[in-house]
Amino acid sequence: MEGPSFLPYINIPYYDFIEDIEGSVARVPAGQKIKVVCAKENSAKFVCEQLLANGFTDVGYLEDGIVSWGNMLAPRRITPTDAPL
């Protein structure tokens, strides 16, 4: 995800949490704020539930998923209005 600063991230597929919860949870850094992102929100909610059930306390997810992030971005003209695009 683009933003004003770099956010460290790890990619653990949703299916890894389904097939190997313990192994997947072990890959997530403990003691840090965790934000889970997926395409439309449902997978992220599941992963957050698994993390909370396994001792994590500061977890959250992107509401409506990465789709909402993409829809939030809007083009803006950065040139004078009389200049061609």
PDB file of N, CA and C in Angstrom:
ATOM      1  N   MET A   1       0.841  -1.175   0.000  1.00  0.00           N
ATOM      2  CA  MET A   1       0.000   0.000   0.000  1.00  0.00           C
ATOM      3  C   MET A   1       0.886   1.237   0.000  1.00  0.00           C
ATOM      4  N   GLU A   2       0.541   2.178  -0.822  1.00  0.00           N
ATOM      5  CA  GLU A   2       1.286   3.425  -0.865  1.00  0.00           C
ATOM      6  C   GLU A   2       0.852   4.322   0.281  1.00  0.00           C
ATOM      7  N   GLY A   3       1.766   5.098   0.758  1.00  0.00           N
ATOM      8  CA  GLY A   3       1.465   6.039   1.824  1.00  0.00           C
ATOM      9  C   GLY A   3       2.631   6.974   2.023  1.00  0.00           C
ATOM     10  N   PRO A   4       2.500   7.904   2.973  1.00  0.00           N
ATOM     11  CA  PRO A   4       3.564   8.878   3.185  1.00  0.00           C
ATOM     12  C   PRO A   4       4.826   8.284   3.799  1.00  0.00           C
ATOM     13  N   SER A   5       4.722   7.113   4.372  1.00  0.00           N
ATOM     14  CA  SER A   5       5.903   6.470   4.954  1.00  0.00           C
ATOM     15  C   SER A   5       5.818   4.966   4.740  1.00  0.00           C
ATOM     16  N   PHE A   6       6.976   4.323   4.814  1.00  0.00           N
ATOM     17  CA  PHE A   6       7.038   2.878   4.606  1.00  0.00           C
ATOM     18  C   PHE A   6       6.455   2.141   5.805  1.00  0.00           C
ATOM     19  N   LEU A   7       5.633   1.181   5.553  1.00  0.00           N
ATOM     20  CA  LEU A   7       5.111   0.313   6.600  1.00  0.00           C
ATOM     21  C   LEU A   7       5.700  -1.073   6.394  1.00  0.00           C
ATOM     22  N   PRO A   8       6.364  -1.609   7.402  1.00  0.00           N
ATOM     23  CA  PRO A   8       6.879  -2.975   7.242  1.00  0.00           C
ATOM     24  C   PRO A   8       5.708  -3.944   7.086  1.00  0.00           C
ATOM     25  N   TYR A   9       5.909  -4.962   6.271  1.00  0.00           N
ATOM     26  CA  TYR A   9       4.822  -5.906   6.060  1.00  0.00           C
ATOM     27  C   TYR A   9       5.365  -7.316   5.851  1.00  0.00           C
ATOM     28  N   ILE A  10       4.508  -8.272   6.105  1.00  0.00           N
ATOM     29  CA  ILE A  10       4.786  -9.662   5.767  1.00  0.00           C
ATOM     30  C   ILE A  10       3.557 -10.184   5.031  1.00  0.00           C
ATOM     31  N   ASN A  11       3.773 -11.097   4.136  1.00  0.00           N
ATOM     32  CA  ASN A  11       2.681 -11.665   3.360  1.00  0.00           C
ATOM     33  C   ASN A  11       2.491 -13.109   3.792  1.00  0.00           C
ATOM     34  N   ILE A  12       1.415 -13.351   4.501  1.00  0.00           N
ATOM     35  CA  ILE A  12       1.054 -14.714   4.894  1.00  0.00           C
ATOM     36  C   ILE A  12      -0.312 -14.972   4.278  1.00  0.00           C
ATOM     37  N   PRO A  13      -0.394 -15.827   3.292  1.00  0.00           N
ATOM     38  CA  PRO A  13      -1.675 -16.071   2.628  1.00  0.00           C
ATOM     39  C   PRO A  13      -2.748 -16.561   3.599  1.00  0.00           C
ATOM     40  N   TYR A  14      -3.947 -16.129   3.335  1.00  0.00           N
ATOM     41  CA  TYR A  14      -5.132 -16.516   4.108  1.00  0.00           C
ATOM     42  C   TYR A  14      -5.223 -18.043   4.248  1.00  0.00           C
ATOM     43  N   TYR A  15      -4.947 -18.749   3.171  1.00  0.00           N
ATOM     44  CA  TYR A  15      -5.055 -20.207   3.211  1.00  0.00           C
ATOM     45  C   TYR A  15      -4.040 -20.837   4.157  1.00  0.00           C
ATOM     46  N   ASP A  16      -2.923 -20.166   4.380  1.00  0.00           N
ATOM     47  CA  ASP A  16      -1.969 -20.675   5.369  1.00  0.00           C
ATOM     48  C   ASP A  16      -2.594 -20.678   6.759  1.00  0.00           C
ATOM     49  N   PHE A  17      -3.384 -19.658   7.063  1.00  0.00           N
ATOM     50  CA  PHE A  17      -4.056 -19.608   8.360  1.00  0.00           C
ATOM     51  C   PHE A  17      -5.108 -20.710   8.472  1.00  0.00           C
ATOM     52  N   ILE A  18      -5.729 -21.060   7.373  1.00  0.00           N
ATOM     53  CA  ILE A  18      -6.723 -22.138   7.392  1.00  0.00           C
ATOM     54  C   ILE A  18      -6.035 -23.487   7.584  1.00  0.00           C
ATOM     55  N   GLU A  19      -4.925 -23.697   6.879  1.00  0.00           N
ATOM     56  CA  GLU A  19      -4.255 -24.996   6.901  1.00  0.00           C
ATOM     57  C   GLU A  19      -3.311 -25.172   8.077  1.00  0.00           C
ATOM     58  N   ASP A  20      -2.704 -24.091   8.577  1.00  0.00           N
ATOM     59  CA  ASP A  20      -1.711 -24.185   9.646  1.00  0.00           C
ATOM     60  C   ASP A  20      -1.757 -22.935  10.512  1.00  0.00           C
ATOM     61  N   ILE A  21      -2.747 -22.873  11.391  1.00  0.00           N
ATOM     62  CA  ILE A  21      -2.913 -21.679  12.217  1.00  0.00           C
ATOM     63  C   ILE A  21      -1.681 -21.442  13.081  1.00  0.00           C
ATOM     64  N   GLU A  22      -1.205 -22.458  13.780  1.00  0.00           N
ATOM     65  CA  GLU A  22      -0.055 -22.288  14.678  1.00  0.00           C
ATOM     66  C   GLU A  22       1.174 -21.788  13.934  1.00  0.00           C
ATOM     67  N   GLY A  23       1.474 -22.390  12.798  1.00  0.00           N
ATOM     68  CA  GLY A  23       2.631 -21.981  12.016  1.00  0.00           C
ATOM     69  C   GLY A  23       2.488 -20.569  11.470  1.00  0.00           C
ATOM     70  N   SER A  24       1.288 -20.218  11.064  1.00  0.00           N
ATOM     71  CA  SER A  24       1.043 -18.880  10.534  1.00  0.00           C
ATOM     72  C   SER A  24       1.148 -17.833  11.631  1.00  0.00           C
ATOM     73  N   VAL A  25       0.545 -18.102  12.779  1.00  0.00           N
ATOM     74  CA  VAL A  25       0.604 -17.173  13.903  1.00  0.00           C
ATOM     75  C   VAL A  25       2.053 -16.977  14.347  1.00  0.00           C
ATOM     76  N   ALA A  26       2.846 -18.028  14.308  1.00  0.00           N
ATOM     77  CA  ALA A  26       4.251 -17.937  14.724  1.00  0.00           C
ATOM     78  C   ALA A  26       5.054 -17.002  13.814  1.00  0.00           C
ATOM     79  N   ARG A  27       4.607 -16.791  12.601  1.00  0.00           N
ATOM     80  CA  ARG A  27       5.315 -15.906  11.655  1.00  0.00           C
ATOM     81  C   ARG A  27       5.002 -14.426  11.870  1.00  0.00           C
ATOM     82  N   VAL A  28       3.968 -14.131  12.645  1.00  0.00           N
ATOM     83  CA  VAL A  28       3.560 -12.749  12.889  1.00  0.00           C
ATOM     84  C   VAL A  28       4.345 -12.212  14.089  1.00  0.00           C
ATOM     85  N   PRO A  29       4.970 -11.036  13.954  1.00  0.00           N
ATOM     86  CA  PRO A  29       5.767 -10.496  15.054  1.00  0.00           C
ATOM     87  C   PRO A  29       4.901 -10.150  16.267  1.00  0.00           C
ATOM     88  N   ALA A  30       5.240 -10.713  17.407  1.00  0.00           N
ATOM     89  CA  ALA A  30       4.497 -10.466  18.643  1.00  0.00           C
ATOM     90  C   ALA A  30       4.873  -9.106  19.217  1.00  0.00           C
ATOM     91  N   GLY A  31       3.959  -8.529  19.980  1.00  0.00           N
ATOM     92  CA  GLY A  31       4.232  -7.278  20.668  1.00  0.00           C
ATOM     93  C   GLY A  31       4.193  -6.044  19.796  1.00  0.00           C
ATOM     94  N   GLN A  32       3.639  -6.149  18.596  1.00  0.00           N
ATOM     95  CA  GLN A  32       3.551  -4.999  17.699  1.00  0.00           C
ATOM     96  C   GLN A  32       2.103  -4.795  17.271  1.00  0.00           C
ATOM     97  N   LYS A  33       1.799  -3.584  16.813  1.00  0.00           N
ATOM     98  CA  LYS A  33       0.486  -3.338  16.229  1.00  0.00           C
ATOM     99  C   LYS A  33       0.425  -4.098  14.907  1.00  0.00           C
ATOM    100  N   ILE A  34      -0.639  -4.827  14.700  1.00  0.00           N
ATOM    101  CA  ILE A  34      -0.800  -5.617  13.488  1.00  0.00           C
ATOM    102  C   ILE A  34      -2.041  -5.137  12.749  1.00  0.00           C
ATOM    103  N   LYS A  35      -1.876  -4.817  11.487  1.00  0.00           N
ATOM    104  CA  LYS A  35      -2.989  -4.457  10.620  1.00  0.00           C
ATOM    105  C   LYS A  35      -3.026  -5.466   9.480  1.00  0.00           C
ATOM    106  N   VAL A  36      -4.177  -6.078   9.287  1.00  0.00           N
ATOM    107  CA  VAL A  36      -4.337  -7.124   8.282  1.00  0.00           C
ATOM    108  C   VAL A  36      -5.119  -6.538   7.108  1.00  0.00           C
ATOM    109  N   VAL A  37      -4.642  -6.824   5.900  1.00  0.00           N
ATOM    110  CA  VAL A  37      -5.290  -6.296   4.701  1.00  0.00           C
ATOM    111  C   VAL A  37      -5.552  -7.435   3.733  1.00  0.00           C
ATOM    112  N   CYS A  38      -6.737  -7.454   3.170  1.00  0.00           N
ATOM    113  CA  CYS A  38      -7.072  -8.401   2.101  1.00  0.00           C
ATOM    114  C   CYS A  38      -7.884  -7.640   1.058  1.00  0.00           C
ATOM    115  N   ALA A  39      -8.380  -8.333   0.083  1.00  0.00           N
ATOM    116  CA  ALA A  39      -9.088  -7.669  -1.015  1.00  0.00           C
ATOM    117  C   ALA A  39     -10.395  -7.015  -0.571  1.00  0.00           C
ATOM    118  N   LYS A  40     -11.234  -7.752   0.155  1.00  0.00           N
ATOM    119  CA  LYS A  40     -12.574  -7.230   0.441  1.00  0.00           C
ATOM    120  C   LYS A  40     -12.954  -7.233   1.917  1.00  0.00           C
ATOM    121  N   GLU A  41     -12.108  -7.637   2.815  1.00  0.00           N
ATOM    122  CA  GLU A  41     -12.282  -7.555   4.267  1.00  0.00           C
ATOM    123  C   GLU A  41     -12.503  -8.900   4.954  1.00  0.00           C
ATOM    124  N   ASN A  42     -13.241  -9.830   4.368  1.00  0.00           N
ATOM    125  CA  ASN A  42     -13.619 -11.045   5.091  1.00  0.00           C
ATOM    126  C   ASN A  42     -12.430 -11.898   5.526  1.00  0.00           C
ATOM    127  N   SER A  43     -11.463 -12.085   4.668  1.00  0.00           N
ATOM    128  CA  SER A  43     -10.280 -12.878   5.034  1.00  0.00           C
ATOM    129  C   SER A  43      -9.501 -12.191   6.142  1.00  0.00           C
ATOM    130  N   ALA A  44      -9.396 -10.877   6.076  1.00  0.00           N
ATOM    131  CA  ALA A  44      -8.680 -10.125   7.108  1.00  0.00           C
ATOM    132  C   ALA A  44      -9.379 -10.262   8.457  1.00  0.00           C
ATOM    133  N   LYS A  45     -10.704 -10.241   8.480  1.00  0.00           N
ATOM    134  CA  LYS A  45     -11.441 -10.422   9.726  1.00  0.00           C
ATOM    135  C   LYS A  45     -11.132 -11.789  10.330  1.00  0.00           C
ATOM    136  N   PHE A  46     -11.111 -12.816   9.489  1.00  0.00           N
ATOM    137  CA  PHE A  46     -10.801 -14.163   9.961  1.00  0.00           C
ATOM    138  C   PHE A  46      -9.402 -14.214  10.566  1.00  0.00           C
ATOM    139  N   VAL A  47      -8.417 -13.643   9.878  1.00  0.00           N
ATOM    140  CA  VAL A  47      -7.039 -13.660  10.362  1.00  0.00           C
ATOM    141  C   VAL A  47      -6.944 -12.908  11.685  1.00  0.00           C
ATOM    142  N   CYS A  48      -7.605 -11.759  11.800  1.00  0.00           N
ATOM    143  CA  CYS A  48      -7.602 -11.009  13.059  1.00  0.00           C
ATOM    144  C   CYS A  48      -8.194 -11.846  14.192  1.00  0.00           C
ATOM    145  N   GLU A  49      -9.278 -12.533  13.921  1.00  0.00           N
ATOM    146  CA  GLU A  49      -9.884 -13.397  14.936  1.00  0.00           C
ATOM    147  C   GLU A  49      -8.905 -14.469  15.397  1.00  0.00           C
ATOM    148  N   GLN A  50      -8.158 -15.049  14.448  1.00  0.00           N
ATOM    149  CA  GLN A  50      -7.186 -16.080  14.801  1.00  0.00           C
ATOM    150  C   GLN A  50      -6.048 -15.493  15.635  1.00  0.00           C
ATOM    151  N   LEU A  51      -5.587 -14.309  15.280  1.00  0.00           N
ATOM    152  CA  LEU A  51      -4.517 -13.671  16.047  1.00  0.00           C
ATOM    153  C   LEU A  51      -4.986 -13.338  17.456  1.00  0.00           C
ATOM    154  N   LEU A  52      -6.184 -12.794  17.590  1.00  0.00           N
ATOM    155  CA  LEU A  52      -6.721 -12.483  18.910  1.00  0.00           C
ATOM    156  C   LEU A  52      -6.878 -13.744  19.754  1.00  0.00           C
ATOM    157  N   ALA A  53      -7.316 -14.821  19.136  1.00  0.00           N
ATOM    158  CA  ALA A  53      -7.481 -16.089  19.852  1.00  0.00           C
ATOM    159  C   ALA A  53      -6.147 -16.688  20.275  1.00  0.00           C
ATOM    160  N   ASN A  54      -5.062 -16.202  19.681  1.00  0.00           N
ATOM    161  CA  ASN A  54      -3.733 -16.737  19.990  1.00  0.00           C
ATOM    162  C   ASN A  54      -2.853 -15.719  20.717  1.00  0.00           C
ATOM    163  N   GLY A  55      -3.480 -14.822  21.455  1.00  0.00           N
ATOM    164  CA  GLY A  55      -2.732 -13.956  22.350  1.00  0.00           C
ATOM    165  C   GLY A  55      -2.362 -12.577  21.847  1.00  0.00           C
ATOM    166  N   PHE A  56      -2.634 -12.246  20.615  1.00  0.00           N
ATOM    167  CA  PHE A  56      -2.351 -10.898  20.127  1.00  0.00           C
ATOM    168  C   PHE A  56      -3.434  -9.960  20.656  1.00  0.00           C
ATOM    169  N   THR A  57      -3.044  -8.739  20.966  1.00  0.00           N
ATOM    170  CA  THR A  57      -4.008  -7.814  21.557  1.00  0.00           C
ATOM    171  C   THR A  57      -4.258  -6.563  20.726  1.00  0.00           C
ATOM    172  N   ASP A  58      -3.341  -6.187  19.868  1.00  0.00           N
ATOM    173  CA  ASP A  58      -3.476  -4.947  19.100  1.00  0.00           C
ATOM    174  C   ASP A  58      -3.506  -5.281  17.611  1.00  0.00           C
ATOM    175  N   VAL A  59      -4.650  -5.795  17.161  1.00  0.00           N
ATOM    176  CA  VAL A  59      -4.805  -6.168  15.760  1.00  0.00           C
ATOM    177  C   VAL A  59      -6.022  -5.456  15.173  1.00  0.00           C
ATOM    178  N   GLY A  60      -5.975  -5.209  13.894  1.00  0.00           N
ATOM    179  CA  GLY A  60      -7.082  -4.590  13.188  1.00  0.00           C
ATOM    180  C   GLY A  60      -6.975  -4.912  11.714  1.00  0.00           C
ATOM    181  N   TYR A  61      -7.973  -4.485  10.960  1.00  0.00           N
ATOM    182  CA  TYR A  61      -7.969  -4.748   9.526  1.00  0.00           C
ATOM    183  C   TYR A  61      -8.512  -3.537   8.789  1.00  0.00           C
ATOM    184  N   LEU A  62      -8.224  -3.469   7.510  1.00  0.00           N
ATOM    185  CA  LEU A  62      -8.692  -2.381   6.659  1.00  0.00           C
ATOM    186  C   LEU A  62     -10.150  -2.639   6.302  1.00  0.00           C
ATOM    187  N   GLU A  63     -11.022  -1.781   6.807  1.00  0.00           N
ATOM    188  CA  GLU A  63     -12.453  -1.932   6.552  1.00  0.00           C
ATOM    189  C   GLU A  63     -12.732  -1.899   5.050  1.00  0.00           C
ATOM    190  N   ASP A  64     -13.475  -2.849   4.571  1.00  0.00           N
ATOM    191  CA  ASP A  64     -13.837  -3.028   3.161  1.00  0.00           C
ATOM    192  C   ASP A  64     -12.657  -3.433   2.278  1.00  0.00           C
ATOM    193  N   GLY A  65     -11.500  -3.710   2.872  1.00  0.00           N
ATOM    194  CA  GLY A  65     -10.361  -4.254   2.148  1.00  0.00           C
ATOM    195  C   GLY A  65      -9.644  -3.269   1.247  1.00  0.00           C
ATOM    196  N   ILE A  66      -8.681  -3.814   0.504  1.00  0.00           N
ATOM    197  CA  ILE A  66      -7.843  -2.995  -0.372  1.00  0.00           C
ATOM    198  C   ILE A  66      -8.664  -2.353  -1.486  1.00  0.00           C
ATOM    199  N   VAL A  67      -9.809  -2.933  -1.790  1.00  0.00           N
ATOM    200  CA  VAL A  67     -10.701  -2.349  -2.788  1.00  0.00           C
ATOM    201  C   VAL A  67     -11.114  -0.946  -2.337  1.00  0.00           C
ATOM    202  N   SER A  68     -11.424  -0.798  -1.044  1.00  0.00           N
ATOM    203  CA  SER A  68     -11.817   0.518  -0.541  1.00  0.00           C
ATOM    204  C   SER A  68     -10.656   1.504  -0.617  1.00  0.00           C
ATOM    205  N   TRP A  69      -9.454   1.024  -0.379  1.00  0.00           N
ATOM    206  CA  TRP A  69      -8.264   1.877  -0.472  1.00  0.00           C
ATOM    207  C   TRP A  69      -8.118   2.417  -1.895  1.00  0.00           C
ATOM    208  N   GLY A  70      -8.265   1.528  -2.856  1.00  0.00           N
ATOM    209  CA  GLY A  70      -8.159   1.942  -4.254  1.00  0.00           C
ATOM    210  C   GLY A  70      -9.266   2.901  -4.655  1.00  0.00           C
ATOM    211  N   ASN A  71     -10.467   2.683  -4.150  1.00  0.00           N
ATOM    212  CA  ASN A  71     -11.579   3.566  -4.478  1.00  0.00           C
ATOM    213  C   ASN A  71     -11.448   4.929  -3.811  1.00  0.00           C
ATOM    214  N   MET A  72     -10.687   4.991  -2.725  1.00  0.00           N
ATOM    215  CA  MET A  72     -10.504   6.250  -2.017  1.00  0.00           C
ATOM    216  C   MET A  72      -9.616   7.203  -2.810  1.00  0.00           C
ATOM    217  N   LEU A  73      -8.691   6.651  -3.563  1.00  0.00           N
ATOM    218  CA  LEU A  73      -7.771   7.489  -4.317  1.00  0.00           C
ATOM    219  C   LEU A  73      -8.505   8.151  -5.470  1.00  0.00           C
ATOM    220  N   ALA A  74      -8.326   9.433  -5.590  1.00  0.00           N
ATOM    221  CA  ALA A  74      -8.990  10.182  -6.656  1.00  0.00           C
ATOM    222  C   ALA A  74      -7.954  11.015  -7.398  1.00  0.00           C
ATOM    223  N   PRO A  75      -8.066  11.089  -8.725  1.00  0.00           N
ATOM    224  CA  PRO A  75      -7.104  11.909  -9.477  1.00  0.00           C
ATOM    225  C   PRO A  75      -7.269  13.383  -9.127  1.00  0.00           C
ATOM    226  N   ARG A  76      -6.143  14.082  -9.077  1.00  0.00           N
ATOM    227  CA  ARG A  76      -6.153  15.520  -8.824  1.00  0.00           C
ATOM    228  C   ARG A  76      -5.277  16.209  -9.852  1.00  0.00           C
ATOM    229  N   ARG A  77      -5.742  17.314 -10.371  1.00  0.00           N
ATOM    230  CA  ARG A  77      -4.952  18.101 -11.316  1.00  0.00           C
ATOM    231  C   ARG A  77      -3.865  18.816 -10.527  1.00  0.00           C
ATOM    232  N   ILE A  78      -2.636  18.675 -10.971  1.00  0.00           N
ATOM    233  CA  ILE A  78      -1.526  19.339 -10.291  1.00  0.00           C
ATOM    234  C   ILE A  78      -0.898  20.415 -11.175  1.00  0.00           C
ATOM    235  N   THR A  79      -1.527  20.659 -12.316  1.00  0.00           N
ATOM    236  CA  THR A  79      -1.075  21.712 -13.227  1.00  0.00           C
ATOM    237  C   THR A  79      -2.158  22.796 -13.264  1.00  0.00           C
ATOM    238  N   PRO A  80      -1.832  23.971 -13.730  1.00  0.00           N
ATOM    239  CA  PRO A  80      -2.873  25.009 -13.861  1.00  0.00           C
ATOM    240  C   PRO A  80      -4.031  24.494 -14.723  1.00  0.00           C
ATOM    241  N   THR A  81      -5.201  24.960 -14.448  1.00  0.00           N
ATOM    242  CA  THR A  81      -6.383  24.448 -15.160  1.00  0.00           C
ATOM    243  C   THR A  81      -6.353  24.719 -16.651  1.00  0.00           C
ATOM    244  N   ASP A  82      -5.572  25.677 -17.124  1.00  0.00           N
ATOM    245  CA  ASP A  82      -5.525  25.941 -18.565  1.00  0.00           C
ATOM    246  C   ASP A  82      -4.453  25.115 -19.273  1.00  0.00           C
ATOM    247  N   ALA A  83      -3.671  24.343 -18.548  1.00  0.00           N
ATOM    248  CA  ALA A  83      -2.629  23.508 -19.158  1.00  0.00           C
ATOM    249  C   ALA A  83      -3.230  22.184 -19.619  1.00  0.00           C
ATOM    250  N   PRO A  84      -2.776  21.671 -20.775  1.00  0.00           N
ATOM    251  CA  PRO A  84      -3.301  20.368 -21.236  1.00  0.00           C
ATOM    252  C   PRO A  84      -2.821  19.247 -20.313  1.00  0.00           C
ATOM    253  N   LEU A  85      -3.614  18.203 -20.205  1.00  0.00           N
ATOM    254  CA  LEU A  85      -3.241  17.051 -19.373  1.00  0.00           C
ATOM    255  C   LEU A  85      -2.273  16.167 -20.065  1.00  0.00           C
TER     256      LEU A  85
END
